């Protein structure tokens, strides 16, 4: 009976909620380049409280706006240090290596970003996370995310090699 009680307890324990993008990643269904994918990620972050982590394996960036079948992992493109530091301060959700338990479409996060931007343009910043509040400045998550977009060491090394080859 003890084994049955433990199995019942394990089955009753809720699994942690982890959000992620639907496969294959950012930019699916829209011709979107790097900036549009960054905006969509902001929409994603604005949709969720920092208590819910983001699945790092689902955070894949479309390599080119022209074709929809080449994706790059988040850690190959961006340095995780600035994001992790912002997450430790509670400014951004944590990135975890778990598979998502809840998937969000790129289109939905894009729409959330557009809602936020239209609020900024109207100077009615109640379009932030909580529609019941009026904030007179940009959402702190917006600022934290922009600071977290630091190119990865691999990308910086490649850029330095190209610059040297071109004698820049």
C-alpha atoms as a PDB file:
ATOM      1  CA  UNK A   1       0.000   0.000   0.000  1.00  0.00           C
ATOM      2  CA  UNK A   2       2.921   2.346   0.630  1.00  0.00           C
ATOM      3  CA  UNK A   3       4.032   2.050  -3.034  1.00  0.00           C
ATOM      4  CA  UNK A   4       0.507   2.879  -4.191  1.00  0.00           C
ATOM      5  CA  UNK A   5       0.412   5.964  -1.935  1.00  0.00           C
ATOM      6  CA  UNK A   6       3.754   7.203  -3.304  1.00  0.00           C
ATOM      7  CA  UNK A   7       2.637   6.617  -6.910  1.00  0.00           C
ATOM      8  CA  UNK A   8      -0.626   8.466  -6.222  1.00  0.00           C
ATOM      9  CA  UNK A   9       1.259  11.375  -4.653  1.00  0.00           C
ATOM     10  CA  UNK A  10       3.644  11.586  -7.628  1.00  0.00           C
ATOM     11  CA  UNK A  11       0.740  11.532 -10.074  1.00  0.00           C
ATOM     12  CA  UNK A  12      -1.039  14.289  -8.117  1.00  0.00           C
ATOM     13  CA  UNK A  13       2.030  16.568  -8.048  1.00  0.00           C
ATOM     14  CA  UNK A  14       1.591  19.200 -10.755  1.00  0.00           C
ATOM     15  CA  UNK A  15       4.377  19.429 -13.296  1.00  0.00           C
ATOM     16  CA  UNK A  16       6.190  22.761 -13.483  1.00  0.00           C
ATOM     17  CA  UNK A  17       4.909  25.073 -16.184  1.00  0.00           C
ATOM     18  CA  UNK A  18       7.481  25.806 -18.899  1.00  0.00           C
ATOM     19  CA  UNK A  19       6.569  27.990 -21.854  1.00  0.00           C
ATOM     20  CA  UNK A  20       8.061  27.645 -25.295  1.00  0.00           C
ATOM     21  CA  UNK A  21       7.533  28.468 -28.946  1.00  0.00           C
ATOM     22  CA  UNK A  22       5.791  26.040 -31.248  1.00  0.00           C
ATOM     23  CA  UNK A  23       8.221  24.192 -33.486  1.00  0.00           C
ATOM     24  CA  UNK A  24      10.341  25.066 -35.345  1.00  0.00           C
ATOM     25  CA  UNK A  25      10.732  28.396 -33.489  1.00  0.00           C
ATOM     26  CA  UNK A  26      10.568  32.159 -33.933  1.00  0.00           C
ATOM     27  CA  UNK A  27       9.511  33.590 -37.270  1.00  0.00           C
ATOM     28  CA  UNK A  28       7.315  30.727 -38.452  1.00  0.00           C
ATOM     29  CA  UNK A  29       4.438  31.717 -40.716  1.00  0.00           C
ATOM     30  CA  UNK A  30       5.601  35.289 -41.333  1.00  0.00           C
ATOM     31  CA  UNK A  31       8.464  36.641 -43.389  1.00  0.00           C
ATOM     32  CA  UNK A  32      10.403  37.868 -40.412  1.00  0.00           C
ATOM     33  CA  UNK A  33      13.987  38.899 -39.991  1.00  0.00           C
ATOM     34  CA  UNK A  34      15.980  39.315 -36.815  1.00  0.00           C
ATOM     35  CA  UNK A  35      14.245  42.497 -35.612  1.00  0.00           C
ATOM     36  CA  UNK A  36      10.754  41.051 -36.021  1.00  0.00           C
ATOM     37  CA  UNK A  37      11.805  37.928 -34.148  1.00  0.00           C
ATOM     38  CA  UNK A  38      13.198  40.084 -31.327  1.00  0.00           C
ATOM     39  CA  UNK A  39       9.885  41.956 -31.190  1.00  0.00           C
ATOM     40  CA  UNK A  40       7.997  38.690 -31.055  1.00  0.00           C
ATOM     41  CA  UNK A  41      10.176  37.477 -28.188  1.00  0.00           C
ATOM     42  CA  UNK A  42       9.315  40.704 -26.348  1.00  0.00           C
ATOM     43  CA  UNK A  43       5.620  39.941 -26.915  1.00  0.00           C
ATOM     44  CA  UNK A  44       6.238  36.463 -25.504  1.00  0.00           C
ATOM     45  CA  UNK A  45       7.971  37.867 -22.405  1.00  0.00           C
ATOM     46  CA  UNK A  46       5.196  40.429 -21.869  1.00  0.00           C
ATOM     47  CA  UNK A  47       2.571  37.672 -21.986  1.00  0.00           C
ATOM     48  CA  UNK A  48       3.999  35.706 -19.055  1.00  0.00           C
ATOM     49  CA  UNK A  49       4.986  36.362 -15.502  1.00  0.00           C
ATOM     50  CA  UNK A  50       8.641  35.814 -14.682  1.00  0.00           C
ATOM     51  CA  UNK A  51       7.630  32.886 -12.498  1.00  0.00           C
ATOM     52  CA  UNK A  52       7.229  30.762 -15.642  1.00  0.00           C
ATOM     53  CA  UNK A  53      10.490  29.775 -17.316  1.00  0.00           C
ATOM     54  CA  UNK A  54      11.072  29.664 -21.074  1.00  0.00           C
ATOM     55  CA  UNK A  55      12.191  26.462 -22.771  1.00  0.00           C
ATOM     56  CA  UNK A  56      15.610  27.183 -24.256  1.00  0.00           C
ATOM     57  CA  UNK A  57      15.363  24.302 -26.794  1.00  0.00           C
ATOM     58  CA  UNK A  58      12.183  25.887 -28.223  1.00  0.00           C
ATOM     59  CA  UNK A  59      13.845  29.290 -28.547  1.00  0.00           C
ATOM     60  CA  UNK A  60      15.180  28.898 -32.059  1.00  0.00           C
ATOM     61  CA  UNK A  61      15.735  31.811 -34.425  1.00  0.00           C
ATOM     62  CA  UNK A  62      14.914  31.761 -38.089  1.00  0.00           C
ATOM     63  CA  UNK A  63      18.225  32.058 -39.958  1.00  0.00           C
ATOM     64  CA  UNK A  64      16.868  34.083 -42.868  1.00  0.00           C
ATOM     65  CA  UNK A  65      13.593  35.828 -43.581  1.00  0.00           C
ATOM     66  CA  UNK A  66      13.570  34.325 -47.093  1.00  0.00           C
ATOM     67  CA  UNK A  67      13.118  30.660 -46.204  1.00  0.00           C
ATOM     68  CA  UNK A  68      11.363  29.046 -43.295  1.00  0.00           C
ATOM     69  CA  UNK A  69      13.440  25.885 -42.844  1.00  0.00           C
ATOM     70  CA  UNK A  70      16.741  27.002 -41.280  1.00  0.00           C
ATOM     71  CA  UNK A  71      16.875  27.817 -37.567  1.00  0.00           C
ATOM     72  CA  UNK A  72      19.655  28.698 -35.114  1.00  0.00           C
ATOM     73  CA  UNK A  73      19.598  27.976 -31.397  1.00  0.00           C
ATOM     74  CA  UNK A  74      19.308  30.930 -29.042  1.00  0.00           C
ATOM     75  CA  UNK A  75      22.658  30.203 -27.412  1.00  0.00           C
ATOM     76  CA  UNK A  76      24.431  30.100 -30.801  1.00  0.00           C
ATOM     77  CA  UNK A  77      23.148  33.590 -31.556  1.00  0.00           C
ATOM     78  CA  UNK A  78      23.036  35.327 -28.170  1.00  0.00           C
ATOM     79  CA  UNK A  79      25.216  35.374 -25.056  1.00  0.00           C
ATOM     80  CA  UNK A  80      23.172  33.813 -22.238  1.00  0.00           C
ATOM     81  CA  UNK A  81      25.010  35.762 -19.505  1.00  0.00           C
ATOM     82  CA  UNK A  82      23.081  39.057 -19.820  1.00  0.00           C
ATOM     83  CA  UNK A  83      19.734  37.204 -19.972  1.00  0.00           C
ATOM     84  CA  UNK A  84      20.620  35.054 -16.945  1.00  0.00           C
ATOM     85  CA  UNK A  85      21.702  38.155 -15.003  1.00  0.00           C
ATOM     86  CA  UNK A  86      18.384  39.873 -15.818  1.00  0.00           C
ATOM     87  CA  UNK A  87      16.501  36.702 -14.801  1.00  0.00           C
ATOM     88  CA  UNK A  88      18.388  36.612 -11.480  1.00  0.00           C
ATOM     89  CA  UNK A  89      17.216  40.198 -10.849  1.00  0.00           C
ATOM     90  CA  UNK A  90      13.619  39.187 -11.686  1.00  0.00           C
ATOM     91  CA  UNK A  91      13.535  41.281 -14.876  1.00  0.00           C
ATOM     92  CA  UNK A  92      13.152  38.373 -17.331  1.00  0.00           C
ATOM     93  CA  UNK A  93      11.914  34.793 -17.092  1.00  0.00           C
ATOM     94  CA  UNK A  94      14.509  32.078 -16.538  1.00  0.00           C
ATOM     95  CA  UNK A  95      15.721  30.047 -19.513  1.00  0.00           C
ATOM     96  CA  UNK A  96      15.628  26.304 -18.833  1.00  0.00           C
ATOM     97  CA  UNK A  97      16.693  23.252 -20.822  1.00  0.00           C
ATOM     98  CA  UNK A  98      13.308  21.532 -20.287  1.00  0.00           C
ATOM     99  CA  UNK A  99      10.848  20.826 -23.056  1.00  0.00           C
ATOM    100  CA  UNK A 100       7.862  23.188 -23.025  1.00  0.00           C
ATOM    101  CA  UNK A 101       4.687  22.123 -21.275  1.00  0.00           C
ATOM    102  CA  UNK A 102       2.813  25.041 -22.906  1.00  0.00           C
ATOM    103  CA  UNK A 103       3.541  26.191 -26.442  1.00  0.00           C
ATOM    104  CA  UNK A 104       2.812  29.637 -27.847  1.00  0.00           C
ATOM    105  CA  UNK A 105       2.700  30.443 -31.557  1.00  0.00           C
ATOM    106  CA  UNK A 106       4.934  33.069 -33.137  1.00  0.00           C
ATOM    107  CA  UNK A 107       1.859  34.793 -34.561  1.00  0.00           C
ATOM    108  CA  UNK A 108       0.288  35.145 -31.098  1.00  0.00           C
ATOM    109  CA  UNK A 109       3.442  36.671 -29.612  1.00  0.00           C
ATOM    110  CA  UNK A 110       3.721  38.994 -32.609  1.00  0.00           C
ATOM    111  CA  UNK A 111       0.156  40.190 -31.966  1.00  0.00           C
ATOM    112  CA  UNK A 112       0.996  40.799 -28.291  1.00  0.00           C
ATOM    113  CA  UNK A 113       3.991  42.890 -29.316  1.00  0.00           C
ATOM    114  CA  UNK A 114       1.853  44.894 -31.752  1.00  0.00           C
ATOM    115  CA  UNK A 115      -0.681  45.570 -28.974  1.00  0.00           C
ATOM    116  CA  UNK A 116       2.138  46.836 -26.732  1.00  0.00           C
ATOM    117  CA  UNK A 117       3.616  49.043 -29.485  1.00  0.00           C
ATOM    118  CA  UNK A 118       0.248  50.525 -30.419  1.00  0.00           C
ATOM    119  CA  UNK A 119      -0.138  51.484 -26.758  1.00  0.00           C
ATOM    120  CA  UNK A 120       3.270  53.163 -26.796  1.00  0.00           C
ATOM    121  CA  UNK A 121       2.391  55.057 -29.962  1.00  0.00           C
ATOM    122  CA  UNK A 122      -0.837  56.331 -28.409  1.00  0.00           C
ATOM    123  CA  UNK A 123       1.093  57.155 -25.231  1.00  0.00           C
ATOM    124  CA  UNK A 124      -1.460  54.947 -23.501  1.00  0.00           C
ATOM    125  CA  UNK A 125       0.937  52.539 -21.922  1.00  0.00           C
ATOM    126  CA  UNK A 126      -1.796  50.541 -20.272  1.00  0.00           C
ATOM    127  CA  UNK A 127      -1.104  48.121 -23.140  1.00  0.00           C
ATOM    128  CA  UNK A 128       1.639  46.666 -20.977  1.00  0.00           C
ATOM    129  CA  UNK A 129       1.397  43.421 -19.027  1.00  0.00           C
ATOM    130  CA  UNK A 130      -1.591  44.402 -16.899  1.00  0.00           C
ATOM    131  CA  UNK A 131      -4.338  46.203 -18.871  1.00  0.00           C
ATOM    132  CA  UNK A 132      -5.816  47.573 -15.623  1.00  0.00           C
ATOM    133  CA  UNK A 133      -2.794  49.790 -14.932  1.00  0.00           C
ATOM    134  CA  UNK A 134      -1.558  52.886 -16.673  1.00  0.00           C
ATOM    135  CA  UNK A 135       2.203  53.181 -16.894  1.00  0.00           C
ATOM    136  CA  UNK A 136       3.822  56.312 -18.256  1.00  0.00           C
ATOM    137  CA  UNK A 137       7.048  54.690 -19.467  1.00  0.00           C
ATOM    138  CA  UNK A 138       8.266  51.638 -21.349  1.00  0.00           C
ATOM    139  CA  UNK A 139       7.798  48.274 -19.710  1.00  0.00           C
ATOM    140  CA  UNK A 140      10.912  47.313 -17.706  1.00  0.00           C
ATOM    141  CA  UNK A 141      10.865  43.889 -19.398  1.00  0.00           C
ATOM    142  CA  UNK A 142      11.239  45.665 -22.741  1.00  0.00           C
ATOM    143  CA  UNK A 143      14.383  47.428 -21.530  1.00  0.00           C
ATOM    144  CA  UNK A 144      15.807  44.301 -19.861  1.00  0.00           C
ATOM    145  CA  UNK A 145      15.283  42.242 -23.004  1.00  0.00           C
ATOM    146  CA  UNK A 146      16.991  44.801 -25.219  1.00  0.00           C
ATOM    147  CA  UNK A 147      19.998  44.737 -22.863  1.00  0.00           C
ATOM    148  CA  UNK A 148      20.035  40.925 -23.016  1.00  0.00           C
ATOM    149  CA  UNK A 149      20.559  40.882 -26.787  1.00  0.00           C
ATOM    150  CA  UNK A 150      24.354  40.555 -26.726  1.00  0.00           C
ATOM    151  CA  UNK A 151      25.836  38.512 -29.584  1.00  0.00           C
ATOM    152  CA  UNK A 152      27.354  35.169 -28.582  1.00  0.00           C
ATOM    153  CA  UNK A 153      31.146  34.793 -28.308  1.00  0.00           C
ATOM    154  CA  UNK A 154      31.067  32.574 -31.393  1.00  0.00           C
ATOM    155  CA  UNK A 155      29.258  35.270 -33.383  1.00  0.00           C
ATOM    156  CA  UNK A 156      31.603  38.000 -32.130  1.00  0.00           C
ATOM    157  CA  UNK A 157      34.638  35.895 -33.145  1.00  0.00           C
ATOM    158  CA  UNK A 158      33.202  35.316 -36.603  1.00  0.00           C
ATOM    159  CA  UNK A 159      32.505  39.044 -37.013  1.00  0.00           C
ATOM    160  CA  UNK A 160      36.086  39.855 -35.958  1.00  0.00           C
ATOM    161  CA  UNK A 161      37.464  37.369 -38.526  1.00  0.00           C
ATOM    162  CA  UNK A 162      35.331  38.854 -41.299  1.00  0.00           C
ATOM    163  CA  UNK A 163      36.337  42.393 -40.302  1.00  0.00           C
ATOM    164  CA  UNK A 164      40.023  41.388 -40.391  1.00  0.00           C
ATOM    165  CA  UNK A 165      39.614  39.722 -43.779  1.00  0.00           C
ATOM    166  CA  UNK A 166      37.940  42.870 -45.121  1.00  0.00           C
ATOM    167  CA  UNK A 167      40.551  45.057 -43.410  1.00  0.00           C
ATOM    168  CA  UNK A 168      37.888  47.023 -41.532  1.00  0.00           C
END
